[in-house]
Amino acid sequence: MPIDPFAALNAMLRAEAARFTPPPRTGPVPEKAAEPEAEEAREERGEKEM
């Protein structure tokens, strides 16, 4: 059976990507992350939180 070079490349890339992917979070998710820079930018544009 011939080796499919694209399938082999895909498998290699998936394995490399999995090495550098951080593990999923299992703890509680914070309700709202504090982003003062984003908040200031919204205030400058005159937008309000919903």
Protein backbone atom coordinates (compact mmCIF):
# COMPACT_ATOMS: atom_id res chain seq x y z
CA MET A 1 0.00 0.00 0.00
CA PRO A 2 1.55 3.36 -1.00
CA ILE A 3 2.12 6.03 1.65
CA ASP A 4 0.02 9.17 1.20
CA PRO A 5 2.47 12.06 1.73
CA PHE A 6 -0.30 14.55 2.51
CA ALA A 7 -1.82 12.29 5.16
CA ALA A 8 1.62 11.80 6.71
CA LEU A 9 2.27 15.56 6.70
CA ASN A 10 -1.15 16.25 8.20
CA ALA A 11 -0.53 13.74 11.00
CA MET A 12 2.87 15.23 11.71
CA LEU A 13 1.49 18.79 11.84
CA ARG A 14 -1.37 17.76 14.10
CA ALA A 15 1.06 16.08 16.49
CA GLU A 16 3.30 19.16 16.58
CA ALA A 17 0.33 21.48 17.13
CA ALA A 18 -0.89 19.30 20.00
CA ARG A 19 2.49 19.64 21.71
CA PHE A 20 2.15 23.43 21.90
CA THR A 21 -1.57 23.69 22.64
CA PRO A 22 -2.22 24.58 26.28
CA PRO A 23 -4.45 22.20 28.23
CA PRO A 24 -8.11 23.26 28.55
CA ARG A 25 -9.14 25.14 31.66
CA THR A 26 -10.97 23.08 34.24
CA GLY A 27 -11.42 25.68 36.99
CA PRO A 28 -14.12 28.31 37.37
CA VAL A 29 -14.27 30.98 34.69
CA PRO A 30 -14.16 34.58 35.97
CA GLU A 31 -17.36 36.47 35.21
CA LYS A 32 -15.65 39.54 33.80
CA ALA A 33 -11.97 40.09 33.19
CA ALA A 34 -10.74 43.56 34.08
CA GLU A 35 -9.42 45.29 30.97
CA PRO A 36 -8.77 48.92 31.91
CA GLU A 37 -7.40 49.81 28.46
CA ALA A 38 -10.47 48.47 26.68
CA GLU A 39 -12.72 50.21 29.21
CA GLU A 40 -10.98 53.54 28.63
CA ALA A 41 -11.28 53.16 24.87
CA ARG A 42 -15.03 52.56 25.20
CA GLU A 43 -15.43 55.63 27.41
CA GLU A 44 -13.56 57.77 24.89
CA ARG A 45 -15.92 56.68 22.11
CA GLY A 46 -18.93 57.32 24.33
CA GLU A 47 -20.11 53.72 24.43
CA LYS A 48 -21.93 52.34 27.45
CA GLU A 49 -21.95 48.84 28.87
CA MET A 50 -25.06 46.78 28.32
